Each structure stands twice: as structure tokens, then as C-alpha cells.
Amino acid sequence: AGDRILLADDSNDDWWKGVIEDRIGYFPAAFAHELQEADHVFRCNRTFIGCKEQGQLTLKEGQVLKQNYPPQT
């Protein structure tokens, strides 16, 4: 979780081909999220127990979050 993969081939709906550093290989497409240029990715560095009543999320250490912004006009 949290790896950034350079997408090399997404012609198959189930398996994509990608590059990480010097490694090239296939991975299940369902295990990945495509990022848009404006997206920001964060990895939680410690567990946080949020308060549901205040609209807070509970996050686990190592969990990956993606924040996307609406396109600029």
C-alpha cells in the first residue's frame, strides 16, 4: 500500500503493467487507484482515533489517503 507505480500498460481491464524504480511487472488493476494531476497522496504516520460525532475519521498507521481537488477553471 502506498507505492506509486508508473503505469506502462492498462489495456487489460484486470491486470495492469507498471514500473516501480527498476522493477517492471503486472498487478491487479482492482488494487490500484489512478491519480489525477491535482490529487495529493498522504500516508498516516501514526494511528488517530477520530470522533464520529465531530465528523472525524479513524486512521491507522501506514494507511494511505488520497485527497482530490475539483479541476481548476
PDB file of N, CA and C in Angstrom:
ATOM      1  N   ALA A   1       0.837  -1.192   0.000  1.00  0.00           N
ATOM      2  CA  ALA A   1       0.000   0.000   0.000  1.00  0.00           C
ATOM      3  C   ALA A   1       0.874   1.244   0.000  1.00  0.00           C
ATOM      4  N   GLY A   2       0.468   2.217  -0.770  1.00  0.00           N
ATOM      5  CA  GLY A   2       1.176   3.485  -0.794  1.00  0.00           C
ATOM      6  C   GLY A   2       2.235   3.611  -1.862  1.00  0.00           C
ATOM      7  N   ASP A   3       2.549   2.517  -2.559  1.00  0.00           N
ATOM      8  CA  ASP A   3       3.531   2.600  -3.636  1.00  0.00           C
ATOM      9  C   ASP A   3       2.988   3.428  -4.776  1.00  0.00           C
ATOM     10  N   ARG A   4       3.863   4.191  -5.387  1.00  0.00           N
ATOM     11  CA  ARG A   4       3.497   4.934  -6.593  1.00  0.00           C
ATOM     12  C   ARG A   4       4.046   4.168  -7.781  1.00  0.00           C
ATOM     13  N   ILE A   5       3.155   3.767  -8.648  1.00  0.00           N
ATOM     14  CA  ILE A   5       3.514   2.937  -9.789  1.00  0.00           C
ATOM     15  C   ILE A   5       3.331   3.748 -11.060  1.00  0.00           C
ATOM     16  N   LEU A   6       4.358   3.773 -11.882  1.00  0.00           N
ATOM     17  CA  LEU A   6       4.242   4.410 -13.194  1.00  0.00           C
ATOM     18  C   LEU A   6       3.547   3.412 -14.104  1.00  0.00           C
ATOM     19  N   LEU A   7       2.383   3.774 -14.588  1.00  0.00           N
ATOM     20  CA  LEU A   7       1.576   2.872 -15.400  1.00  0.00           C
ATOM     21  C   LEU A   7       2.161   2.761 -16.796  1.00  0.00           C
ATOM     22  N   ALA A   8       2.477   1.519 -17.202  1.00  0.00           N
ATOM     23  CA  ALA A   8       3.071   1.273 -18.511  1.00  0.00           C
ATOM     24  C   ALA A   8       2.047   0.737 -19.513  1.00  0.00           C
ATOM     25  N   ASP A   9       1.052  -0.027 -19.011  1.00  0.00           N
ATOM     26  CA  ASP A   9       0.052  -0.609 -19.920  1.00  0.00           C
ATOM     27  C   ASP A   9      -1.217  -0.916 -19.142  1.00  0.00           C
ATOM     28  N   ASP A  10      -2.327  -0.311 -19.543  1.00  0.00           N
ATOM     29  CA  ASP A  10      -3.615  -0.584 -18.899  1.00  0.00           C
ATOM     30  C   ASP A  10      -4.628  -1.121 -19.903  1.00  0.00           C
ATOM     31  N   SER A  11      -4.136  -1.802 -20.939  1.00  0.00           N
ATOM     32  CA  SER A  11      -5.024  -2.301 -21.986  1.00  0.00           C
ATOM     33  C   SER A  11      -5.884  -3.474 -21.516  1.00  0.00           C
ATOM     34  N   ASN A  12      -5.472  -4.167 -20.461  1.00  0.00           N
ATOM     35  CA  ASN A  12      -6.260  -5.247 -19.891  1.00  0.00           C
ATOM     36  C   ASN A  12      -7.047  -4.682 -18.713  1.00  0.00           C
ATOM     37  N   ASP A  13      -8.337  -4.972 -18.624  1.00  0.00           N
ATOM     38  CA  ASP A  13      -9.167  -4.425 -17.553  1.00  0.00           C
ATOM     39  C   ASP A  13      -8.808  -4.973 -16.176  1.00  0.00           C
ATOM     40  N   ASP A  14      -8.243  -6.192 -16.120  1.00  0.00           N
ATOM     41  CA  ASP A  14      -7.986  -6.846 -14.843  1.00  0.00           C
ATOM     42  C   ASP A  14      -6.552  -6.703 -14.343  1.00  0.00           C
ATOM     43  N   TRP A  15      -5.580  -6.714 -15.258  1.00  0.00           N
ATOM     44  CA  TRP A  15      -4.165  -6.657 -14.888  1.00  0.00           C
ATOM     45  C   TRP A  15      -3.480  -5.521 -15.622  1.00  0.00           C
ATOM     46  N   TRP A  16      -2.792  -4.680 -14.865  1.00  0.00           N
ATOM     47  CA  TRP A  16      -2.039  -3.576 -15.447  1.00  0.00           C
ATOM     48  C   TRP A  16      -0.550  -3.865 -15.324  1.00  0.00           C
ATOM     49  N   LYS A  17       0.228  -3.266 -16.198  1.00  0.00           N
ATOM     50  CA  LYS A  17       1.679  -3.377 -16.156  1.00  0.00           C
ATOM     51  C   LYS A  17       2.225  -2.051 -15.636  1.00  0.00           C
ATOM     52  N   GLY A  18       3.161  -2.128 -14.686  1.00  0.00           N
ATOM     53  CA  GLY A  18       3.688  -0.915 -14.108  1.00  0.00           C
ATOM     54  C   GLY A  18       5.158  -1.000 -13.776  1.00  0.00           C
ATOM     55  N   VAL A  19       5.729   0.159 -13.449  1.00  0.00           N
ATOM     56  CA  VAL A  19       7.149   0.280 -13.136  1.00  0.00           C
ATOM     57  C   VAL A  19       7.293   0.943 -11.766  1.00  0.00           C
ATOM     58  N   ILE A  20       8.100   0.330 -10.905  1.00  0.00           N
ATOM     59  CA  ILE A  20       8.499   0.919  -9.622  1.00  0.00           C
ATOM     60  C   ILE A  20      10.016   0.826  -9.577  1.00  0.00           C
ATOM     61  N   GLU A  21      10.672   1.975  -9.525  1.00  0.00           N
ATOM     62  CA  GLU A  21      12.133   2.050  -9.539  1.00  0.00           C
ATOM     63  C   GLU A  21      12.674   1.247 -10.715  1.00  0.00           C
ATOM     64  N   ASP A  22      13.404   0.146 -10.465  1.00  0.00           N
ATOM     65  CA  ASP A  22      13.975  -0.639 -11.559  1.00  0.00           C
ATOM     66  C   ASP A  22      13.198  -1.917 -11.833  1.00  0.00           C
ATOM     67  N   ARG A  23      12.012  -2.047 -11.233  1.00  0.00           N
ATOM     68  CA  ARG A  23      11.200  -3.259 -11.395  1.00  0.00           C
ATOM     69  C   ARG A  23      10.013  -2.995 -12.310  1.00  0.00           C
ATOM     70  N   ILE A  24       9.725  -3.956 -13.172  1.00  0.00           N
ATOM     71  CA  ILE A  24       8.575  -3.903 -14.069  1.00  0.00           C
ATOM     72  C   ILE A  24       7.762  -5.169 -13.838  1.00  0.00           C
ATOM     73  N   GLY A  25       6.440  -5.022 -13.748  1.00  0.00           N
ATOM     74  CA  GLY A  25       5.620  -6.208 -13.546  1.00  0.00           C
ATOM     75  C   GLY A  25       4.137  -5.903 -13.640  1.00  0.00           C
ATOM     76  N   TYR A  26       3.354  -6.962 -13.496  1.00  0.00           N
ATOM     77  CA  TYR A  26       1.895  -6.862 -13.567  1.00  0.00           C
ATOM     78  C   TYR A  26       1.307  -6.868 -12.164  1.00  0.00           C
ATOM     79  N   PHE A  27       0.185  -6.165 -12.000  1.00  0.00           N
ATOM     80  CA  PHE A  27      -0.507  -6.116 -10.727  1.00  0.00           C
ATOM     81  C   PHE A  27      -2.006  -6.016 -10.999  1.00  0.00           C
ATOM     82  N   PRO A  28      -2.846  -6.488 -10.050  1.00  0.00           N
ATOM     83  CA  PRO A  28      -4.292  -6.419 -10.250  1.00  0.00           C
ATOM     84  C   PRO A  28      -4.768  -4.968 -10.310  1.00  0.00           C
ATOM     85  N   ALA A  29      -5.480  -4.623 -11.348  1.00  0.00           N
ATOM     86  CA  ALA A  29      -5.978  -3.253 -11.510  1.00  0.00           C
ATOM     87  C   ALA A  29      -6.892  -2.855 -10.354  1.00  0.00           C
ATOM     88  N   ALA A  30      -7.608  -3.813  -9.792  1.00  0.00           N
ATOM     89  CA  ALA A  30      -8.529  -3.522  -8.695  1.00  0.00           C
ATOM     90  C   ALA A  30      -7.795  -3.105  -7.419  1.00  0.00           C
ATOM     91  N   PHE A  31      -6.481  -3.315  -7.352  1.00  0.00           N
ATOM     92  CA  PHE A  31      -5.706  -2.982  -6.167  1.00  0.00           C
ATOM     93  C   PHE A  31      -5.095  -1.589  -6.267  1.00  0.00           C
ATOM     94  N   ALA A  32      -5.413  -0.853  -7.318  1.00  0.00           N
ATOM     95  CA  ALA A  32      -4.775   0.446  -7.537  1.00  0.00           C
ATOM     96  C   ALA A  32      -5.819   1.522  -7.802  1.00  0.00           C
ATOM     97  N   HIS A  33      -5.411   2.751  -7.562  1.00  0.00           N
ATOM     98  CA  HIS A  33      -6.238   3.919  -7.860  1.00  0.00           C
ATOM     99  C   HIS A  33      -5.424   4.831  -8.753  1.00  0.00           C
ATOM    100  N   GLU A  34      -6.015   5.225  -9.862  1.00  0.00           N
ATOM    101  CA  GLU A  34      -5.333   6.171 -10.738  1.00  0.00           C
ATOM    102  C   GLU A  34      -5.413   7.558 -10.133  1.00  0.00           C
ATOM    103  N   LEU A  35      -4.299   8.255 -10.156  1.00  0.00           N
ATOM    104  CA  LEU A  35      -4.253   9.616  -9.633  1.00  0.00           C
ATOM    105  C   LEU A  35      -4.353  10.617 -10.769  1.00  0.00           C
ATOM    106  N   GLN A  36      -5.010  11.703 -10.483  1.00  0.00           N
ATOM    107  CA  GLN A  36      -5.062  12.816 -11.418  1.00  0.00           C
ATOM    108  C   GLN A  36      -3.979  13.813 -11.018  1.00  0.00           C
ATOM    109  N   GLU A  37      -3.670  14.724 -11.886  1.00  0.00           N
ATOM    110  CA  GLU A  37      -2.580  15.666 -11.634  1.00  0.00           C
ATOM    111  C   GLU A  37      -2.781  16.466 -10.349  1.00  0.00           C
ATOM    112  N   ALA A  38      -4.011  16.811 -10.028  1.00  0.00           N
ATOM    113  CA  ALA A  38      -4.288  17.655  -8.856  1.00  0.00           C
ATOM    114  C   ALA A  38      -4.429  16.857  -7.556  1.00  0.00           C
ATOM    115  N   ASP A  39      -4.376  15.518  -7.619  1.00  0.00           N
ATOM    116  CA  ASP A  39      -4.542  14.699  -6.420  1.00  0.00           C
ATOM    117  C   ASP A  39      -3.316  14.788  -5.516  1.00  0.00           C
ATOM    118  N   HIS A  40      -3.559  14.655  -4.220  1.00  0.00           N
ATOM    119  CA  HIS A  40      -2.488  14.622  -3.229  1.00  0.00           C
ATOM    120  C   HIS A  40      -2.603  13.310  -2.458  1.00  0.00           C
ATOM    121  N   VAL A  41      -1.469  12.652  -2.209  1.00  0.00           N
ATOM    122  CA  VAL A  41      -1.450  11.373  -1.513  1.00  0.00           C
ATOM    123  C   VAL A  41      -0.702  11.543  -0.196  1.00  0.00           C
ATOM    124  N   PHE A  42      -1.280  10.971   0.865  1.00  0.00           N
ATOM    125  CA  PHE A  42      -0.694  11.057   2.190  1.00  0.00           C
ATOM    126  C   PHE A  42      -0.636   9.666   2.805  1.00  0.00           C
ATOM    127  N   ARG A  43       0.384   9.409   3.632  1.00  0.00           N
ATOM    128  CA  ARG A  43       0.461   8.174   4.402  1.00  0.00           C
ATOM    129  C   ARG A  43       0.417   8.561   5.878  1.00  0.00           C
ATOM    130  N   CYS A  44      -0.497   7.944   6.612  1.00  0.00           N
ATOM    131  CA  CYS A  44      -0.661   8.237   8.033  1.00  0.00           C
ATOM    132  C   CYS A  44       0.551   7.695   8.795  1.00  0.00           C
ATOM    133  N   ASN A  45       1.211   8.554   9.593  1.00  0.00           N
ATOM    134  CA  ASN A  45       2.412   8.103  10.293  1.00  0.00           C
ATOM    135  C   ASN A  45       2.141   7.629  11.721  1.00  0.00           C
ATOM    136  N   ARG A  46       0.899   7.730  12.174  1.00  0.00           N
ATOM    137  CA  ARG A  46       0.510   7.138  13.454  1.00  0.00           C
ATOM    138  C   ARG A  46      -1.009   7.007  13.488  1.00  0.00           C
ATOM    139  N   THR A  47      -1.487   6.124  14.327  1.00  0.00           N
ATOM    140  CA  THR A  47      -2.922   5.882  14.440  1.00  0.00           C
ATOM    141  C   THR A  47      -3.611   7.082  15.073  1.00  0.00           C
ATOM    142  N   PHE A  48      -4.776   7.419  14.530  1.00  0.00           N
ATOM    143  CA  PHE A  48      -5.589   8.502  15.061  1.00  0.00           C
ATOM    144  C   PHE A  48      -7.015   7.983  15.225  1.00  0.00           C
ATOM    145  N   ILE A  49      -7.547   8.072  16.433  1.00  0.00           N
ATOM    146  CA  ILE A  49      -8.924   7.656  16.695  1.00  0.00           C
ATOM    147  C   ILE A  49      -9.798   8.899  16.613  1.00  0.00           C
ATOM    148  N   GLY A  50     -10.587   8.979  15.554  1.00  0.00           N
ATOM    149  CA  GLY A  50     -11.441  10.142  15.345  1.00  0.00           C
ATOM    150  C   GLY A  50     -12.763  10.031  16.086  1.00  0.00           C
ATOM    151  N   CYS A  51     -13.390  11.156  16.273  1.00  0.00           N
ATOM    152  CA  CYS A  51     -14.688  11.243  16.938  1.00  0.00           C
ATOM    153  C   CYS A  51     -15.776  11.335  15.869  1.00  0.00           C
ATOM    154  N   LYS A  52     -16.593  10.286  15.741  1.00  0.00           N
ATOM    155  CA  LYS A  52     -17.644  10.264  14.714  1.00  0.00           C
ATOM    156  C   LYS A  52     -18.611  11.427  14.866  1.00  0.00           C
ATOM    157  N   GLU A  53     -18.931  11.789  16.109  1.00  0.00           N
ATOM    158  CA  GLU A  53     -19.884  12.870  16.345  1.00  0.00           C
ATOM    159  C   GLU A  53     -19.383  14.200  15.790  1.00  0.00           C
ATOM    160  N   GLN A  54     -18.061  14.344  15.677  1.00  0.00           N
ATOM    161  CA  GLN A  54     -17.479  15.573  15.137  1.00  0.00           C
ATOM    162  C   GLN A  54     -17.093  15.415  13.662  1.00  0.00           C
ATOM    163  N   GLY A  55     -17.482  14.291  13.071  1.00  0.00           N
ATOM    164  CA  GLY A  55     -17.203  14.070  11.656  1.00  0.00           C
ATOM    165  C   GLY A  55     -15.761  13.686  11.366  1.00  0.00           C
ATOM    166  N   GLN A  56     -15.041  13.172  12.357  1.00  0.00           N
ATOM    167  CA  GLN A  56     -13.642  12.806  12.176  1.00  0.00           C
ATOM    168  C   GLN A  56     -13.513  11.339  11.769  1.00  0.00           C
ATOM    169  N   LEU A  57     -12.485  11.043  10.998  1.00  0.00           N
ATOM    170  CA  LEU A  57     -12.185   9.687  10.585  1.00  0.00           C
ATOM    171  C   LEU A  57     -11.200   9.045  11.547  1.00  0.00           C
ATOM    172  N   THR A  58     -11.253   7.732  11.672  1.00  0.00           N
ATOM    173  CA  THR A  58     -10.222   6.988  12.376  1.00  0.00           C
ATOM    174  C   THR A  58      -9.228   6.510  11.333  1.00  0.00           C
ATOM    175  N   LEU A  59      -7.945   6.769  11.565  1.00  0.00           N
ATOM    176  CA  LEU A  59      -6.891   6.401  10.624  1.00  0.00           C
ATOM    177  C   LEU A  59      -5.903   5.479  11.306  1.00  0.00           C
ATOM    178  N   LYS A  60      -5.436   4.471  10.559  1.00  0.00           N
ATOM    179  CA  LYS A  60      -4.441   3.552  11.080  1.00  0.00           C
ATOM    180  C   LYS A  60      -3.061   3.934  10.566  1.00  0.00           C
ATOM    181  N   GLU A  61      -2.042   3.680  11.361  1.00  0.00           N
ATOM    182  CA  GLU A  61      -0.671   3.937  10.936  1.00  0.00           C
ATOM    183  C   GLU A  61      -0.389   3.191   9.634  1.00  0.00           C
ATOM    184  N   GLY A  62       0.191   3.892   8.673  1.00  0.00           N
ATOM    185  CA  GLY A  62       0.508   3.303   7.380  1.00  0.00           C
ATOM    186  C   GLY A  62      -0.609   3.401   6.355  1.00  0.00           C
ATOM    187  N   GLN A  63      -1.798   3.790   6.782  1.00  0.00           N
ATOM    188  CA  GLN A  63      -2.922   3.909   5.860  1.00  0.00           C
ATOM    189  C   GLN A  63      -2.644   5.022   4.859  1.00  0.00           C
ATOM    190  N   VAL A  64      -3.039   4.787   3.613  1.00  0.00           N
ATOM    191  CA  VAL A  64      -2.806   5.750   2.539  1.00  0.00           C
ATOM    192  C   VAL A  64      -4.104   6.480   2.233  1.00  0.00           C
ATOM    193  N   LEU A  65      -4.006   7.796   2.099  1.00  0.00           N
ATOM    194  CA  LEU A  65      -5.175   8.637   1.811  1.00  0.00           C
ATOM    195  C   LEU A  65      -4.934   9.420   0.540  1.00  0.00           C
ATOM    196  N   LYS A  66      -5.989   9.593  -0.229  1.00  0.00           N
ATOM    197  CA  LYS A  66      -5.905  10.411  -1.444  1.00  0.00           C
ATOM    198  C   LYS A  66      -6.893  11.561  -1.295  1.00  0.00           C
ATOM    199  N   GLN A  67      -6.396  12.764  -1.468  1.00  0.00           N
ATOM    200  CA  GLN A  67      -7.252  13.948  -1.437  1.00  0.00           C
ATOM    201  C   GLN A  67      -7.309  14.489  -2.846  1.00  0.00           C
ATOM    202  N   ASN A  68      -8.509  14.593  -3.374  1.00  0.00           N
ATOM    203  CA  ASN A  68      -8.619  15.143  -4.725  1.00  0.00           C
ATOM    204  C   ASN A  68      -9.341  16.480  -4.675  1.00  0.00           C
ATOM    205  N   TYR A  69      -8.923  17.325  -5.539  1.00  0.00           N
ATOM    206  CA  TYR A  69      -9.478  18.675  -5.631  1.00  0.00           C
ATOM    207  C   TYR A  69     -10.262  18.797  -6.927  1.00  0.00           C
ATOM    208  N   PRO A  70     -11.305  19.610  -6.939  1.00  0.00           N
ATOM    209  CA  PRO A  70     -12.030  19.821  -8.201  1.00  0.00           C
ATOM    210  C   PRO A  70     -11.114  20.483  -9.227  1.00  0.00           C
ATOM    211  N   PRO A  71     -11.320  20.207 -10.493  1.00  0.00           N
ATOM    212  CA  PRO A  71     -10.475  20.839 -11.529  1.00  0.00           C
ATOM    213  C   PRO A  71     -10.534  22.349 -11.469  1.00  0.00           C
ATOM    214  N   GLN A  72      -9.419  22.983 -11.729  1.00  0.00           N
ATOM    215  CA  GLN A  72      -9.360  24.442 -11.763  1.00  0.00           C
ATOM    216  C   GLN A  72     -10.019  24.936 -13.050  1.00  0.00           C
ATOM    217  N   THR A  73     -10.798  26.003 -12.937  1.00  0.00           N
ATOM    218  CA  THR A  73     -11.431  26.557 -14.137  1.00  0.00           C
ATOM    219  C   THR A  73     -10.893  27.924 -14.449  1.00  0.00           C
TER     220      THR A  73
END
